Amino acid sequence: MAEPAAPRAAANASTISAGIDAALHRGTGLPPLPPLACEENIVVLPMSRAYPQPFWGDGGPVWPEFGQRTWRRFNRDGKPIDQPLLPPETEPAPLPGEWIWGGFAQSQFGHLIAEQLTRLPVALSHRPQLPALFMVRPEPAFRDPPQFFYDLCAWYGLPRERVRILHHPVRVEALHVAPQAEQLLDHPPAPYALALADRIAERNGITPQPHDVVYIGRMGMLAEPKAGHAGEAYLAGLLAQAGVTVLDPLRHSVRQQAEIYAGARSLIFAEGSAIHGRQLIGYRPQRITILNRRPGKRIGRAALTPRCDDLAYFEATATLLCVYPNGQPNLLSALSLYDTAQIFAAFARHGIDLAARWDEAAYQAAIRADARTWLAAQYRPHLKEEFWRRIARTRDEFTAIGWQDLFKDVIAGLPSERPSGTPLGRVRRRVGRILGD
């Protein structure tokens, strides 16, 4: 059965040029946009397998001449990282009309802005009325993308009714694809990327909100369970007392985030996805500071360097506490303990004297409470056996900083069965021996 047709537009020069806002090329200093490639009668596959790293999978267009014009493919740090695909054994359903290739509609806010949706601004500048095709992870929980995916699409000019999520193979009559304007790691933005970002922000009618110093945190992440710094709520409270604007990006819309970033003199980010929200706009005369929770990381460096006057990273973590689901430390869900000297130095760079306000006893109470929250959240939700088999390594990390009693108290209080009612059996007995039960 044929799929519903997409709107069919005449692919001639006058139609294409009419779809581009003339202001993008005249009077705003935007370099010329690259042309789109159009592949006709091309098979596009849904994702059947997701790769945890590098946040990609095995679906997408079955590109002809796979080794040529590699900009059509999924690139990171200037290099394609996807693999060639084979057409399905049975003929896919036809998908009439013209479509834009949108990419992977994943559930990571930062990756969407930094690499997955970066084709849309150029594609929609050329063909503003076309719908777009996206793939998602194959698990049922990811069948429909999160709301912020649709919010970001709308920000770029693609309303929800023109978003098509692919769940089975199709043969597309005409698929238009633009290069990624930005990529993760150290690949610089395309020459037009920053000016185009500002044009999109103007089209969305943002009003910059003046702020002196803004701290963008990861409040509430430890209970998700996700990574973060213990004691962040204590830090945020001191910052608010010092007159710093504290922003929880989960409580603000895409538009509100862009308005705050556009009007701030200084931005201080806890390392995380929210950093990429700054890519919604172009250059501003700003200082930007990143507080690393994973030592040595330089997340967003290539994207942020041309967007501000001064970018600095502070190694804000003294100790990492991890779980070991596959025998390796899972840094994406690690608990970071502040290096307070680095924290004081980072805020001093913005004129904030935290040392004079710091209460060490209150801070120690805060980080211990957060450690309890994080530890319970890591082990409780599914009682994953692979986590429990390697629990001794996490115990050793807690013991090394004198928190062995806290560890035993939290773990001993967790339920002894999975939510489904299946006993953990030998795994639970091993935990009992670790706890000395």
Protein backbone atom coordinates (compact mmCIF):
# COMPACT_ATOMS: atom_id res chain seq x y z
CA MET A 1 0.00 0.00 0.00
CA ALA A 2 1.40 3.36 -1.01
CA GLU A 3 2.24 5.94 1.64
CA PRO A 4 0.43 9.31 1.67
CA ALA A 5 2.16 11.65 -0.72
CA ALA A 6 4.21 14.57 0.49
CA PRO A 7 3.50 17.94 -1.13
CA ARG A 8 5.04 17.91 -4.59
CA ALA A 9 6.86 21.10 -5.48
CA ALA A 10 8.44 21.88 -8.81
CA ALA A 11 12.18 21.54 -8.36
CA ASN A 12 13.16 24.48 -10.54
CA ALA A 13 15.47 27.38 -9.80
CA SER A 14 12.69 29.93 -9.31
CA THR A 15 10.87 27.78 -6.75
CA ILE A 16 14.05 27.11 -4.81
CA SER A 17 15.14 30.74 -4.75
CA ALA A 18 11.65 31.81 -3.71
CA GLY A 19 11.91 29.52 -0.69
CA ILE A 20 14.98 31.29 0.65
CA ASP A 21 14.51 34.41 2.74
CA ALA A 22 16.36 37.02 0.70
CA ALA A 23 17.62 38.63 3.88
CA LEU A 24 19.77 35.57 4.47
CA HIS A 25 22.00 36.56 1.57
CA ARG A 26 21.55 40.31 1.30
CA GLY A 27 22.18 42.72 4.13
CA THR A 28 23.00 40.29 6.95
CA GLY A 29 26.46 39.12 5.95
CA LEU A 30 25.50 35.46 5.74
CA PRO A 31 27.83 33.50 3.45
CA PRO A 32 26.12 31.58 0.65
CA LEU A 33 24.33 28.45 1.74
CA PRO A 34 25.40 25.13 0.22
CA PRO A 35 23.02 23.52 -2.27
CA LEU A 36 20.98 20.45 -1.43
CA ALA A 37 21.51 17.06 -2.96
CA CYS A 38 18.41 15.26 -4.20
CA GLU A 39 18.28 11.50 -4.41
CA GLU A 40 15.36 10.07 -6.36
CA ASN A 41 13.77 6.68 -5.79
CA ILE A 42 15.96 6.05 -2.74
CA VAL A 43 15.34 3.45 0.00
CA VAL A 44 15.31 4.73 3.58
CA LEU A 45 15.45 2.24 6.44
CA PRO A 46 14.27 2.59 10.04
CA MET A 47 16.83 1.96 12.76
CA SER A 48 16.88 -1.70 13.80
CA ARG A 49 19.82 -1.46 16.16
CA ALA A 50 21.05 1.47 18.25
CA TYR A 51 24.67 1.97 19.21
CA PRO A 52 25.09 3.45 22.73
CA GLN A 53 28.29 5.00 21.46
CA PRO A 54 28.49 7.00 19.26
CA PHE A 55 24.74 7.69 19.68
CA TRP A 56 23.89 6.38 16.26
CA GLY A 57 22.39 3.26 14.69
CA ASP A 58 22.05 1.26 11.51
CA GLY A 59 19.18 3.01 9.71
CA GLY A 60 18.84 5.87 7.26
CA PRO A 61 19.07 6.31 3.49
CA VAL A 62 20.75 3.59 1.44
CA TRP A 63 23.08 6.07 -0.23
CA PRO A 64 24.24 5.33 -3.76
CA GLU A 65 27.99 5.83 -4.26
CA PHE A 66 28.45 5.41 -0.50
CA GLY A 67 32.13 6.35 -0.54
CA GLN A 68 31.54 9.60 -2.45
CA ARG A 69 29.92 12.86 -1.35
CA THR A 70 30.34 11.66 2.22
CA TRP A 71 28.82 14.90 3.58
CA ARG A 72 25.39 13.31 2.92
CA ARG A 73 26.17 10.69 5.58
CA PHE A 74 26.34 11.11 9.37
CA ASN A 75 29.60 12.86 10.17
CA ARG A 76 31.37 13.55 13.45
CA ASP A 77 34.57 15.55 13.78
CA GLY A 78 34.71 15.91 10.01
CA LYS A 79 34.54 12.19 9.23
CA PRO A 80 31.60 9.89 8.34
CA ILE A 81 31.00 7.29 11.04
CA ASP A 82 27.99 5.46 9.64
CA GLN A 83 28.18 2.08 7.88
CA PRO A 84 26.85 1.02 4.45
CA LEU A 85 23.32 -0.35 4.45
CA LEU A 86 21.75 -3.11 2.40
CA PRO A 87 18.26 -2.71 0.90
CA PRO A 88 15.60 -4.97 2.44
CA GLU A 89 14.82 -8.29 0.77
CA THR A 90 11.23 -7.22 0.06
CA GLU A 91 10.35 -4.09 -1.86
CA PRO A 92 9.67 -1.18 0.53
CA ALA A 93 6.42 0.73 0.45
CA PRO A 94 6.56 3.71 -1.92
CA LEU A 95 6.63 7.17 -0.31
CA PRO A 96 5.51 9.68 -2.94
CA GLY A 97 6.51 13.33 -3.05
CA GLU A 98 9.51 15.32 -1.92
CA TRP A 99 11.02 15.02 1.55
CA ILE A 100 13.92 16.40 3.56
CA TRP A 101 16.23 13.96 5.31
CA GLY A 102 16.20 15.02 8.97
CA GLY A 103 18.35 12.29 10.55
CA PHE A 104 18.16 10.61 13.95
CA ALA A 105 15.43 11.90 16.30
CA GLN A 106 17.20 10.84 19.44
CA SER A 107 16.42 11.56 23.08
CA GLN A 108 19.57 13.56 23.89
CA PHE A 109 18.89 17.32 23.84
CA GLY A 110 22.52 18.25 23.31
CA HIS A 111 23.19 15.77 20.52
CA LEU A 112 20.09 16.96 18.65
CA ILE A 113 21.36 20.54 18.54
CA ALA A 114 25.03 19.73 18.10
CA GLU A 115 24.86 17.17 15.30
CA GLN A 116 21.53 15.50 14.51
CA LEU A 117 19.33 18.46 13.52
CA THR A 118 22.05 20.63 12.00
CA ARG A 119 20.91 19.80 8.46
CA LEU A 120 17.51 21.40 8.98
CA PRO A 121 18.41 25.12 8.87
CA VAL A 122 19.93 24.88 5.39
CA ALA A 123 17.39 22.37 4.06
CA LEU A 124 14.45 24.48 5.26
CA SER A 125 16.02 27.65 3.90
CA HIS A 126 15.98 26.08 0.45
CA ARG A 127 12.74 24.12 0.73
CA PRO A 128 10.70 25.64 3.58
CA GLN A 129 7.42 23.82 2.87
CA LEU A 130 8.68 20.25 2.65
CA PRO A 131 8.13 17.61 5.34
CA ALA A 132 11.08 15.77 6.88
CA LEU A 133 11.85 12.11 7.57
CA PHE A 134 13.49 10.96 10.81
CA MET A 135 14.45 7.63 12.32
CA VAL A 136 14.28 6.67 16.00
CA ARG A 137 15.71 3.94 18.19
CA PRO A 138 13.84 0.64 17.71
CA GLU A 139 12.87 0.06 21.35
CA PRO A 140 9.17 0.76 22.11
CA ALA A 141 10.08 3.43 24.68
CA PHE A 142 11.68 5.51 21.90
CA ARG A 143 8.97 5.07 19.28
CA ASP A 144 7.93 8.71 19.64
CA PRO A 145 10.64 11.31 20.30
CA PRO A 146 10.53 13.54 23.39
CA GLN A 147 8.69 16.84 23.27
CA PHE A 148 11.91 18.86 23.11
CA PHE A 149 12.67 17.20 19.76
CA TYR A 150 9.48 18.66 18.31
CA ASP A 151 10.19 22.00 20.02
CA LEU A 152 13.60 22.15 18.36
CA CYS A 153 12.16 21.22 14.97
CA ALA A 154 9.63 24.04 15.33
CA TRP A 155 12.44 26.42 16.31
CA TYR A 156 14.17 25.64 13.01
CA GLY A 157 10.93 26.08 11.08
CA LEU A 158 9.57 22.54 10.89
CA PRO A 159 6.17 22.20 12.59
CA ARG A 160 5.15 18.89 14.12
CA GLU A 161 2.64 18.10 11.38
CA ARG A 162 5.50 18.00 8.85
CA VAL A 163 7.59 15.60 10.92
CA ARG A 164 7.45 11.96 9.83
CA ILE A 165 8.94 9.27 12.09
CA LEU A 166 10.00 6.22 10.10
CA HIS A 167 9.12 2.78 11.50
CA HIS A 168 9.39 0.61 8.38
CA PRO A 169 11.35 0.77 5.10
CA VAL A 170 10.17 3.13 2.39
CA ARG A 171 11.25 4.04 -1.12
CA VAL A 172 11.16 7.82 -1.31
CA GLU A 173 10.33 9.51 -4.58
CA ALA A 174 12.68 12.45 -3.88
CA LEU A 175 14.84 12.96 -0.79
CA HIS A 176 16.65 16.27 -0.28
CA VAL A 177 19.67 16.35 2.02
CA ALA A 178 21.79 19.24 3.32
CA PRO A 179 25.22 19.03 4.94
CA GLN A 180 25.49 19.10 8.74
CA ALA A 181 26.18 22.75 9.57
CA GLU A 182 27.80 21.68 12.85
CA GLN A 183 29.25 18.47 14.25
CA LEU A 184 30.43 17.19 17.59
CA LEU A 185 34.05 17.23 18.82
CA ASP A 186 36.61 19.56 17.23
CA HIS A 187 35.07 20.17 13.82
CA PRO A 188 34.38 23.93 13.46
CA PRO A 189 30.94 25.23 12.44
CA ALA A 190 30.31 25.83 8.76
CA PRO A 191 31.00 29.44 7.67
CA TYR A 192 27.30 30.23 7.51
CA ALA A 193 26.25 28.44 10.73
CA LEU A 194 26.43 31.27 13.28
CA ALA A 195 24.76 33.90 11.08
CA LEU A 196 22.04 31.43 10.12
CA ALA A 197 21.48 30.59 13.80
CA ASP A 198 20.96 34.28 14.55
CA ARG A 199 18.59 34.64 11.59
CA ILE A 200 16.51 31.74 12.92
CA ALA A 201 16.48 33.32 16.40
CA GLU A 202 15.29 36.61 14.88
CA ARG A 203 12.59 34.81 12.94
CA ASN A 204 11.42 33.28 16.22
CA GLY A 205 11.13 36.80 17.62
CA ILE A 206 13.35 36.36 20.68
CA THR A 207 13.84 39.23 23.11
CA PRO A 208 17.26 39.02 24.83
CA GLN A 209 16.91 38.99 28.62
CA PRO A 210 19.66 41.04 30.32
CA HIS A 211 21.56 39.17 33.03
CA ASP A 212 25.00 39.70 34.49
CA VAL A 213 26.06 36.14 35.40
CA VAL A 214 23.93 33.05 34.68
CA TYR A 215 24.66 29.58 36.07
CA ILE A 216 23.13 26.72 34.05
CA GLY A 217 22.95 23.55 36.15
CA ARG A 218 21.87 19.92 36.14
CA MET A 219 19.44 20.15 39.04
CA GLY A 220 17.51 16.97 39.76
CA MET A 221 19.57 14.74 37.45
CA LEU A 222 20.97 12.48 40.18
CA ALA A 223 17.55 10.96 40.87
CA GLU A 224 16.87 10.26 37.16
CA PRO A 225 19.40 8.44 37.47
CA LYS A 226 21.92 10.51 35.54
CA ALA A 227 25.29 12.09 36.10
CA GLY A 228 25.92 15.26 38.04
CA HIS A 229 27.84 16.96 40.82
CA ALA A 230 26.96 16.18 44.42
CA GLY A 231 26.17 19.34 46.34
CA GLU A 232 24.96 21.29 43.31
CA ALA A 233 21.80 22.45 45.10
CA TYR A 234 23.97 23.87 47.89
CA LEU A 235 26.13 25.66 45.31
CA ALA A 236 23.07 27.00 43.48
CA GLY A 237 21.68 28.39 46.73
CA LEU A 238 24.89 30.32 47.42
CA LEU A 239 24.94 31.62 43.87
CA ALA A 240 21.38 32.92 44.15
CA GLN A 241 22.35 34.72 47.37
CA ALA A 242 25.26 36.31 45.49
CA GLY A 243 22.94 37.65 42.79
CA VAL A 244 23.69 35.04 40.14
CA THR A 245 20.77 33.93 37.96
CA VAL A 246 20.37 30.16 38.38
CA LEU A 247 18.85 28.45 35.35
CA ASP A 248 17.39 24.96 35.34
CA PRO A 249 17.09 24.31 31.58
CA LEU A 250 14.49 21.57 32.11
CA ARG A 251 12.11 24.24 33.38
CA HIS A 252 12.60 26.61 30.45
CA SER A 253 11.46 26.39 26.84
CA VAL A 254 13.85 26.45 23.92
CA ARG A 255 12.86 30.06 23.29
CA GLN A 256 13.39 31.09 26.92
CA GLN A 257 16.83 29.51 26.97
CA ALA A 258 17.81 31.35 23.78
CA GLU A 259 16.58 34.67 25.21
CA ILE A 260 18.57 34.23 28.43
CA TYR A 261 21.73 33.22 26.57
CA ALA A 262 21.34 36.13 24.15
CA GLY A 263 21.17 38.74 26.92
CA ALA A 264 23.72 37.44 29.44
CA ARG A 265 27.15 38.97 30.02
CA SER A 266 28.58 35.71 31.41
CA LEU A 267 27.42 32.08 31.26
CA ILE A 268 28.65 29.31 33.56
CA PHE A 269 27.56 25.80 32.58
CA ALA A 270 27.70 22.59 34.53
CA GLU A 271 29.04 20.16 31.93
CA GLY A 272 26.09 18.58 30.14
CA SER A 273 23.67 18.74 27.24
CA ALA A 274 22.46 22.22 28.13
CA ILE A 275 25.76 23.63 26.86
CA HIS A 276 24.57 22.98 23.32
CA GLY A 277 21.55 25.20 23.88
CA ARG A 278 23.97 28.09 23.43
CA GLN A 279 24.26 26.99 19.78
CA LEU A 280 20.72 28.24 19.20
CA ILE A 281 22.25 31.69 18.67
CA GLY A 282 25.48 32.97 17.13
CA TYR A 283 28.22 35.25 18.45
CA ARG A 284 27.72 37.40 21.54
CA PRO A 285 30.35 39.45 23.45
CA GLN A 286 30.32 36.99 26.34
CA ARG A 287 32.49 35.01 28.72
CA ILE A 288 31.57 31.33 28.95
CA THR A 289 32.86 28.96 31.62
CA ILE A 290 32.35 25.18 31.73
CA LEU A 291 32.58 23.25 35.03
CA ASN A 292 33.76 19.78 34.04
CA ARG A 293 32.23 16.78 35.79
CA ARG A 294 34.31 14.38 33.67
CA PRO A 295 37.99 15.33 33.90
CA GLY A 296 39.63 16.43 30.69
CA LYS A 297 36.45 16.83 28.61
CA ARG A 298 36.08 19.82 26.28
CA ILE A 299 32.42 19.46 25.38
CA GLY A 300 31.22 22.12 22.93
CA ARG A 301 34.64 23.73 22.42
CA ALA A 302 34.52 23.96 18.63
CA ALA A 303 30.96 25.28 18.63
CA LEU A 304 31.37 27.79 21.48
CA THR A 305 34.78 29.28 20.66
CA PRO A 306 33.51 31.42 17.74
CA ARG A 307 30.33 32.30 19.65
CA CYS A 308 31.97 34.22 22.51
CA ASP A 309 35.00 36.31 23.44
CA ASP A 310 36.36 34.07 26.19
CA LEU A 311 35.80 30.33 26.74
CA ALA A 312 37.35 28.51 29.71
CA TYR A 313 37.08 24.99 31.15
CA PHE A 314 37.65 24.29 34.84
CA GLU A 315 38.45 20.81 36.13
CA ALA A 316 35.75 21.01 38.77
CA THR A 317 35.82 17.34 39.81
CA ALA A 318 38.12 15.93 42.51
CA THR A 319 36.56 12.45 42.71
CA LEU A 320 34.34 10.31 40.47
CA LEU A 321 32.06 7.59 41.84
CA CYS A 322 30.84 5.13 39.23
CA VAL A 323 28.79 2.05 38.55
CA TYR A 324 30.29 -0.69 36.36
CA PRO A 325 27.53 -2.27 34.25
CA ASN A 326 29.95 -3.81 31.75
CA GLY A 327 33.10 -3.95 33.82
CA GLN A 328 34.01 -0.39 32.82
CA PRO A 329 33.12 2.81 34.69
CA ASN A 330 29.97 4.37 33.29
CA LEU A 331 31.01 8.02 33.12
CA LEU A 332 27.66 9.00 31.62
CA SER A 333 26.00 8.30 34.97
CA ALA A 334 28.89 9.03 37.35
CA LEU A 335 28.61 11.05 40.55
CA SER A 336 31.19 13.85 40.63
CA LEU A 337 32.49 15.45 43.82
CA TYR A 338 33.59 19.06 43.47
CA ASP A 339 37.15 20.25 43.59
CA THR A 340 36.17 23.27 45.67
CA ALA A 341 39.37 25.19 44.89
CA GLN A 342 38.51 24.96 41.18
CA ILE A 343 34.92 25.99 41.86
CA PHE A 344 36.07 29.06 43.79
CA ALA A 345 38.48 29.97 40.97
CA ALA A 346 35.84 29.52 38.27
CA PHE A 347 33.39 31.88 39.90
CA ALA A 348 36.07 34.34 40.95
CA ARG A 349 36.75 34.80 37.23
CA HIS A 350 33.24 36.25 37.03
CA GLY A 351 33.58 38.39 40.15
CA ILE A 352 31.79 35.98 42.50
CA ASP A 353 33.54 35.31 45.85
CA LEU A 354 32.16 31.91 46.85
CA ALA A 355 34.89 31.17 49.39
CA ALA A 356 33.62 33.93 51.68
CA ARG A 357 30.13 32.38 51.73
CA TRP A 358 31.10 28.70 51.92
CA ASP A 359 29.95 26.62 54.90
CA GLU A 360 31.95 23.40 54.80
CA ALA A 361 29.69 21.53 57.23
CA ALA A 362 26.58 22.39 55.22
CA TYR A 363 28.34 21.41 52.02
CA GLN A 364 29.44 18.04 53.43
CA ALA A 365 25.87 17.31 54.53
CA ALA A 366 24.62 18.22 51.04
CA ILE A 367 27.05 15.97 49.16
CA ARG A 368 26.34 13.01 51.44
CA ALA A 369 22.60 13.44 50.87
CA ASP A 370 23.15 13.59 47.11
CA ALA A 371 25.38 10.51 47.24
CA ARG A 372 22.52 8.62 48.89
CA THR A 373 20.10 9.78 46.21
CA TRP A 374 22.46 8.84 43.40
CA LEU A 375 23.38 5.43 44.79
CA ALA A 376 19.77 4.43 45.40
CA ALA A 377 18.72 5.68 41.97
CA GLN A 378 21.48 3.74 40.20
CA TYR A 379 20.61 0.39 41.77
CA ARG A 380 16.90 0.60 42.51
CA PRO A 381 15.02 1.21 39.22
CA HIS A 382 15.52 -2.16 37.53
CA LEU A 383 17.90 -3.93 39.91
CA LYS A 384 19.99 -4.76 36.89
CA GLU A 385 22.00 -7.88 37.58
CA GLU A 386 25.01 -6.65 35.62
CA PHE A 387 25.21 -3.66 37.97
CA TRP A 388 24.96 -5.83 41.07
CA ARG A 389 27.61 -8.30 39.90
CA ARG A 390 30.19 -5.51 39.98
CA ILE A 391 28.91 -3.66 43.01
CA ALA A 392 32.15 -4.33 44.92
CA ARG A 393 33.96 -1.83 42.70
CA THR A 394 31.51 0.91 43.60
CA ARG A 395 31.79 -0.10 47.25
CA ASP A 396 35.58 0.28 47.06
CA GLU A 397 35.22 3.81 45.67
CA PHE A 398 32.92 4.81 48.53
CA THR A 399 35.28 3.19 51.03
CA ALA A 400 38.26 5.12 49.63
CA ILE A 401 36.66 8.42 50.64
CA GLY A 402 35.38 7.16 54.02
CA TRP A 403 31.78 6.63 52.99
CA GLN A 404 31.59 2.87 53.52
CA ASP A 405 28.84 3.20 56.15
CA LEU A 406 26.76 5.38 53.82
CA PHE A 407 27.18 2.80 51.06
CA LYS A 408 26.14 -0.14 53.23
CA ASP A 409 23.16 1.75 54.64
CA VAL A 410 21.78 2.63 51.18
CA ILE A 411 22.38 -0.75 49.54
CA ALA A 412 21.04 -2.73 52.50
CA GLY A 413 17.81 -0.77 52.28
CA LEU A 414 17.08 -1.60 48.65
CA PRO A 415 14.43 -4.23 47.79
CA SER A 416 15.66 -7.79 47.43
CA GLU A 417 13.58 -8.55 44.35
CA ARG A 418 13.13 -7.10 40.92
CA PRO A 419 9.90 -5.17 40.31
CA SER A 420 8.62 -8.18 38.36
CA GLY A 421 8.97 -10.31 41.48
CA THR A 422 11.87 -12.43 40.20
CA PRO A 423 14.41 -12.94 43.03
CA LEU A 424 17.95 -11.84 42.41
CA GLY A 425 19.13 -15.11 43.92
CA ARG A 426 22.86 -15.61 43.74
CA VAL A 427 23.46 -11.95 42.89
CA ARG A 428 21.65 -10.83 46.04
CA ARG A 429 23.57 -13.34 48.15
CA ARG A 430 26.81 -11.97 46.77
CA VAL A 431 25.68 -8.48 47.77
CA GLY A 432 24.96 -9.82 51.23
CA ARG A 433 28.52 -11.08 51.54
CA ILE A 434 29.83 -7.68 50.40
CA LEU A 435 27.76 -5.95 53.03
CA GLY A 436 28.83 -8.43 55.69
CA ASP A 437 25.27 -9.69 56.22
